[in-house]
Protein backbone atom coordinates (compact mmCIF):
# COMPACT_ATOMS: atom_id res chain seq x y z
CA MET A 1 84.40 105.41 63.82
CA LYS A 2 87.37 104.78 66.09
CA LYS A 3 86.90 101.89 68.50
CA ILE A 4 87.44 102.82 72.16
CA ALA A 5 89.50 100.36 74.17
CA HIS A 6 87.63 98.56 76.93
CA ARG A 7 88.31 100.03 80.37
CA MET A 8 88.82 97.19 82.81
CA ASN A 9 86.86 97.04 86.04
CA LEU A 10 88.11 95.85 89.44
CA LEU A 11 87.16 92.21 88.77
CA GLU A 12 89.03 92.16 85.45
CA TRP A 13 92.11 93.75 87.01
CA SER A 14 91.95 91.18 89.81
CA MET A 15 91.78 88.35 87.28
CA LEU A 16 94.69 89.84 85.33
CA VAL A 17 96.84 90.01 88.46
CA GLY A 18 95.73 86.48 89.34
CA LEU A 19 96.76 85.27 85.88
CA SER A 20 100.18 86.88 86.25
CA ILE A 21 100.64 85.12 89.59
CA VAL A 22 99.69 81.63 88.36
CA TRP A 23 101.76 82.04 85.17
CA GLY A 24 104.64 83.61 87.09
CA GLY A 25 104.26 80.73 89.52
CA SER A 26 104.97 78.26 86.71
CA PHE A 27 108.63 79.36 86.80
CA PHE A 28 108.68 78.82 90.56
CA PHE A 29 107.03 75.38 90.35
CA ALA A 30 109.41 74.34 87.57
CA ALA A 31 112.43 75.45 89.60
CA VAL A 32 111.32 73.09 92.38
CA ALA A 33 110.50 70.14 90.10
CA ILE A 34 113.59 70.34 87.87
CA ALA A 35 115.79 69.41 90.84
CA GLU A 36 114.37 65.87 90.74
CA LEU A 37 112.81 65.31 87.30
CA PRO A 38 113.94 65.86 83.67
CA ALA A 39 112.52 68.78 81.71
CA MET A 40 110.38 66.93 79.16
CA THR A 41 108.83 64.78 81.87
CA ILE A 42 107.75 67.92 83.73
CA ALA A 43 106.37 69.35 80.48
CA PHE A 44 104.42 66.13 79.83
CA ILE A 45 102.96 66.07 83.34
CA ARG A 46 101.91 69.70 82.98
CA VAL A 47 100.10 69.28 79.66
CA SER A 48 98.61 65.84 80.31
CA GLY A 49 97.33 66.85 83.75
CA GLY A 50 95.96 70.08 82.31
CA ALA A 51 94.31 68.11 79.49
CA ILE A 52 92.43 65.91 81.97
CA ILE A 53 91.10 68.93 83.89
CA LEU A 54 90.14 70.83 80.73
CA LEU A 55 88.41 67.76 79.25
CA LEU A 56 86.32 67.54 82.41
CA ALA A 57 85.54 71.26 82.12
CA LEU A 58 84.41 70.82 78.49
CA ARG A 59 82.16 67.97 79.56
CA LEU A 60 80.56 70.04 82.30
CA LEU A 61 80.03 72.94 79.88
CA GLY A 62 78.65 70.69 77.16
CA ILE A 63 81.37 71.63 74.65
CA ARG A 64 82.64 68.92 72.30
CA LEU A 65 86.09 68.70 70.80
CA PRO A 66 86.00 68.78 66.99
CA SER A 67 86.60 65.49 65.20
CA SER A 68 87.81 67.04 61.94
CA LYS A 69 91.20 65.82 60.71
CA THR A 70 92.07 69.38 59.67
CA VAL A 71 91.38 70.71 63.15
CA TRP A 72 93.38 67.96 64.86
CA LEU A 73 96.35 68.58 62.58
CA ALA A 74 96.11 72.21 63.66
CA PHE A 75 95.93 71.08 67.31
CA LEU A 76 99.15 69.10 66.78
CA GLY A 77 100.90 72.13 65.28
CA MET A 78 99.65 74.38 68.08
CA GLY A 79 100.53 71.84 70.76
CA LEU A 80 104.05 71.55 69.40
CA MET A 81 104.72 75.30 69.16
CA ASN A 82 102.74 76.53 72.16
CA ASN A 83 103.40 73.74 74.68
CA ALA A 84 105.79 70.90 73.85
CA ILE A 85 108.75 72.93 72.54
CA PRO A 86 108.62 76.02 74.82
CA PHE A 87 107.81 74.14 78.04
CA SER A 88 110.67 71.68 77.45
CA LEU A 89 113.14 74.47 76.61
CA ILE A 90 112.20 76.64 79.59
CA PHE A 91 112.19 73.78 82.09
CA TRP A 92 115.58 72.59 80.82
CA ALA A 93 117.00 76.10 81.05
CA GLN A 94 115.79 76.42 84.64
CA SER A 95 118.23 73.71 85.67
CA GLU A 96 120.84 76.49 85.41
CA LEU A 97 118.87 79.76 85.44
CA ALA A 98 117.03 81.40 88.33
CA SER A 99 113.26 81.39 87.84
CA GLY A 100 113.21 85.20 87.79
CA VAL A 101 115.80 85.38 85.01
CA ALA A 102 113.86 82.84 82.93
CA SER A 103 110.66 84.87 83.36
CA ILE A 104 112.41 88.08 82.25
CA LEU A 105 113.75 86.41 79.11
CA ASN A 106 110.31 84.93 78.46
CA ALA A 107 108.93 88.49 78.42
CA MET A 108 110.60 88.81 75.00
CA THR A 109 107.71 86.76 73.56
CA PRO A 110 105.61 89.80 72.48
CA ILE A 111 108.70 91.28 70.82
CA PHE A 112 109.28 88.10 68.84
CA THR A 113 105.56 88.09 68.04
CA VAL A 114 105.58 91.51 66.36
CA ILE A 115 108.61 90.45 64.29
CA ALA A 116 106.89 87.22 63.24
CA ALA A 117 103.65 89.05 62.49
CA HIS A 118 105.48 91.51 60.24
CA PHE A 119 106.85 88.74 58.04
CA LEU A 120 104.03 86.18 58.27
CA THR A 121 100.87 88.31 58.14
CA ASP A 122 99.49 90.92 55.77
CA ASP A 123 97.99 93.30 58.33
CA GLU A 124 100.46 93.56 61.25
CA HIS A 125 103.50 95.37 59.95
CA LEU A 126 106.21 96.99 62.06
CA SER A 127 105.54 100.63 62.95
CA ALA A 128 108.05 103.12 64.33
CA GLY A 129 106.92 102.36 67.88
CA ARG A 130 107.21 98.62 67.37
CA ILE A 131 110.65 98.89 65.80
CA THR A 132 111.76 100.95 68.81
CA GLY A 133 110.31 98.31 71.12
CA VAL A 134 112.08 95.49 69.28
CA LEU A 135 115.46 97.26 69.45
CA LEU A 136 115.00 98.01 73.15
CA GLY A 137 114.03 94.40 73.80
CA PHE A 138 117.21 93.05 72.25
CA LEU A 139 119.25 95.71 74.08
CA GLY A 140 117.66 94.50 77.32
CA VAL A 141 118.64 90.90 76.56
CA PHE A 142 122.20 92.03 75.79
CA ILE A 143 122.37 93.86 79.13
CA LEU A 144 120.83 90.92 80.99
CA MET A 145 123.39 88.49 79.59
CA GLY A 146 126.25 90.93 80.17
CA GLY A 147 126.98 89.51 83.60
CA ASN A 148 127.84 86.04 82.28
CA SER A 149 131.34 84.80 81.74
CA GLY A 150 130.67 84.08 78.09
CA GLU A 151 131.04 80.33 78.44
CA SER A 152 128.57 78.27 76.40
CA GLY A 153 127.25 76.62 79.55
CA ALA A 154 126.02 80.02 80.76
CA ILE A 155 124.71 81.19 77.39
CA LEU A 156 122.82 78.11 76.18
CA PRO A 157 120.07 78.27 78.86
CA HIS A 158 119.42 81.92 77.96
CA ILE A 159 119.19 80.97 74.28
CA ALA A 160 116.82 78.12 75.18
CA VAL A 161 114.36 80.50 76.89
CA LEU A 162 114.58 82.93 73.98
CA GLY A 163 113.94 79.99 71.64
CA ALA A 164 110.83 79.22 73.67
CA GLY A 165 109.72 82.83 73.13
CA VAL A 166 110.16 82.43 69.36
CA SER A 167 108.07 79.25 69.50
CA TYR A 168 105.33 81.05 71.45
CA ALA A 169 105.41 83.87 68.89
CA LEU A 170 104.95 81.47 65.97
CA ALA A 171 102.15 79.75 67.88
CA SER A 172 100.30 83.05 68.31
CA ILE A 173 100.33 83.56 64.53
CA PHE A 174 99.46 79.92 63.83
CA GLY A 175 96.65 79.96 66.39
CA LYS A 176 94.63 82.55 64.49
CA ARG A 177 93.38 79.78 62.19
CA PHE A 178 91.19 78.31 64.95
CA GLY A 179 88.88 81.32 64.73
CA ARG A 180 88.49 80.72 61.01
CA LEU A 181 87.86 77.03 61.70
CA GLY A 182 85.11 77.92 64.16
CA VAL A 183 86.72 76.21 67.17
CA PRO A 184 85.67 77.70 70.56
CA PRO A 185 88.61 79.14 72.56
CA LEU A 186 88.32 76.65 75.44
CA ALA A 187 88.17 73.76 72.96
CA THR A 188 91.33 75.14 71.33
CA ALA A 189 93.09 75.22 74.70
CA THR A 190 91.98 71.66 75.46
CA GLY A 191 92.85 70.33 72.01
CA GLN A 192 96.35 71.77 72.07
CA VAL A 193 97.24 70.29 75.48
CA CYS A 194 95.82 66.91 74.40
CA ALA A 195 97.90 67.07 71.22
CA SER A 196 101.06 68.13 73.03
CA SER A 197 100.55 65.25 75.49
CA LEU A 198 100.49 62.82 72.56
CA LEU A 199 103.62 64.41 71.08
CA LEU A 200 105.60 64.37 74.33
CA LEU A 201 104.65 60.89 75.57
CA PRO A 202 106.91 58.82 73.25
CA VAL A 203 109.80 61.26 73.67
CA VAL A 204 109.51 61.11 77.47
CA LEU A 205 109.38 57.29 77.45
CA PHE A 206 112.38 56.82 75.17
CA VAL A 207 114.56 59.79 76.14
CA ASP A 208 113.83 60.72 79.75
CA GLN A 209 112.82 57.28 81.05
CA PRO A 210 111.30 58.93 84.16
CA TRP A 211 110.96 55.63 86.06
CA SER A 212 114.75 55.64 86.48
CA TYR A 213 114.57 58.79 88.62
CA GLY A 214 112.62 57.23 91.46
CA TRP A 215 109.51 58.55 93.17
CA PRO A 216 109.64 62.37 93.59
CA SER A 217 109.55 64.01 97.00
CA GLY A 218 106.49 65.66 98.49
CA GLY A 219 107.73 69.13 97.54
CA THR A 220 108.13 68.12 93.91
CA LEU A 221 104.67 66.54 93.86
CA TRP A 222 103.16 69.76 95.17
CA ALA A 223 105.09 71.74 92.53
CA LEU A 224 103.76 69.46 89.77
CA ALA A 225 100.23 69.87 91.13
CA GLY A 226 100.71 73.64 91.03
CA LEU A 227 101.86 73.47 87.40
CA VAL A 228 98.88 71.33 86.40
CA VAL A 229 96.07 72.93 88.40
CA LEU A 230 97.12 76.55 88.80
CA SER A 231 99.48 77.40 85.94
CA THR A 232 97.63 75.35 83.30
CA ALA A 233 93.95 74.74 84.15
CA VAL A 234 93.26 77.88 86.21
CA GLY A 235 95.58 79.91 83.98
CA TYR A 236 93.67 78.99 80.83
CA PHE A 237 90.35 79.68 82.53
CA LEU A 238 91.46 83.17 83.57
CA TYR A 239 93.06 83.78 80.16
CA PHE A 240 89.90 83.10 78.18
CA ARG A 241 87.67 84.81 80.77
CA ILE A 242 89.70 88.04 80.50
CA LEU A 243 89.89 87.70 76.71
CA SER A 244 86.10 87.44 76.43
CA THR A 245 85.34 90.51 78.57
CA ALA A 246 88.36 92.83 78.42
CA GLY A 247 89.83 91.93 75.02
CA ALA A 248 93.25 90.96 73.72
CA THR A 249 94.78 94.44 74.12
CA ASN A 250 94.14 94.55 77.86
CA LEU A 251 95.09 90.89 78.22
CA ALA A 252 98.54 91.71 76.80
CA LEU A 253 99.26 93.66 80.00
CA VAL A 254 99.90 90.34 81.75
CA THR A 255 103.31 90.32 80.03
CA PHE A 256 104.41 93.18 82.30
CA LEU A 257 103.20 91.47 85.47
CA ILE A 258 104.59 87.92 85.09
CA PRO A 259 108.31 88.69 85.77
CA PRO A 260 107.66 90.54 89.07
CA SER A 261 105.50 87.63 90.26
CA ALA A 262 108.14 85.05 89.33
CA ILE A 263 110.97 87.12 90.80
CA LEU A 264 109.10 87.68 94.08
CA LEU A 265 108.39 83.96 94.50
CA GLY A 266 111.98 83.07 93.61
CA VAL A 267 113.47 85.55 96.08
CA LEU A 268 111.09 84.87 98.99
CA VAL A 269 110.78 81.08 98.70
CA LEU A 270 113.82 79.83 96.77
CA ASN A 271 116.31 82.42 98.10
CA GLU A 272 117.25 83.41 94.55
CA SER A 273 119.00 86.69 93.86
CA LEU A 274 119.29 88.85 90.78
CA GLY A 275 122.31 90.86 89.63
CA TRP A 276 122.33 94.46 88.44
CA ASN A 277 122.33 93.26 84.84
CA HIS A 278 119.12 91.29 85.39
CA ILE A 279 117.30 94.27 86.89
CA ALA A 280 118.61 96.67 84.23
CA GLY A 281 117.80 94.21 81.44
CA MET A 282 114.26 93.74 82.78
CA ALA A 283 113.77 97.52 82.89
CA VAL A 284 114.91 98.00 79.29
CA ILE A 285 112.78 95.06 78.07
CA GLY A 286 109.85 96.58 79.97
CA VAL A 287 110.29 99.91 78.18
CA GLY A 288 110.46 98.00 74.90
CA LEU A 289 107.20 96.22 75.69
CA ALA A 290 105.62 99.56 76.59
CA ALA A 291 106.73 100.97 73.23
CA ILE A 292 105.13 98.03 71.43
CA ASP A 293 101.96 98.25 73.50
CA GLY A 294 101.79 102.01 72.92
CA ARG A 295 99.11 102.92 75.43
CA VAL A 296 101.47 104.57 77.95
CA PHE A 297 102.93 106.81 75.26
CA ARG A 298 99.43 107.63 73.96
CA ILE A 299 98.39 108.75 77.44
CA PHE A 300 101.32 111.18 77.69
CA THR A 301 100.69 112.38 74.13
CA ARG A 302 97.05 113.14 74.93
CA LYS A 303 98.09 115.04 78.05
CA ARG A 304 100.52 117.19 76.08
CA ARG A 305 97.93 117.90 73.39
CA ARG A 306 95.13 118.70 75.84
CA PRO A 307 94.13 122.38 75.35
CA ALA A 308 94.35 124.78 78.26
CA PRO A 309 91.00 125.56 79.94
């Protein structure tokens, strides 16, 4: 019997839009903070602050973190691929890229995910629709980067954000093991931010040496608070709440909503502007994501096949 996709109600749609705003806001908060602090320091503050809040949440809910060595090794791997590497790359790139551009490039994550799943799993192979989506995604990136001069200084930040998307994609494949290990989703979220905090701390101390930057301004402190509380703690809460009621397929729609949120905040608050190539690239990447998701095309197909009354 074919499983019918869950139809989201108003509350679930509201949470999905809220998730897109707090995750889109992470690009805005980072754009503010990167003016005064180095990238890995911002990444460490985000994950360590989020870890404290999520540990308190676990305590209130009576959920314990696993003590198994196997699980904690998995937490370290997940923390590296899902937090430490991508956060550091994106925050570094935002020292030269507008927050909206970074969010558009980050929307390539689902496209990298289907490629990784094809080669690293036995049950998620590329279909015709997914191949079309992948090709459109890369075409969108090519268009988006078409407005640059071609100098390495302009290209490297773009590559860094795409590298973060590859890291996220690998993390999504790697993260499937937590279900097999019997780790609750909120414990997984907490364990990975704790692990990434441990991984980033020595690097931040030896490489960034944040004490040499002086005390950040009030605006930067507010931006860091937004990253910790909204983009990390609240974001994870909404993520797992939507996942539990609406399912992963509906949750994937957030990918379409994050860039508009980030772009709107960047334009209205940071006075950023986007070129024609950014808008055109976003549109092509969006069509590619729709091809991978498939539901829009299925709706039109059903309408065409509907018999006349």
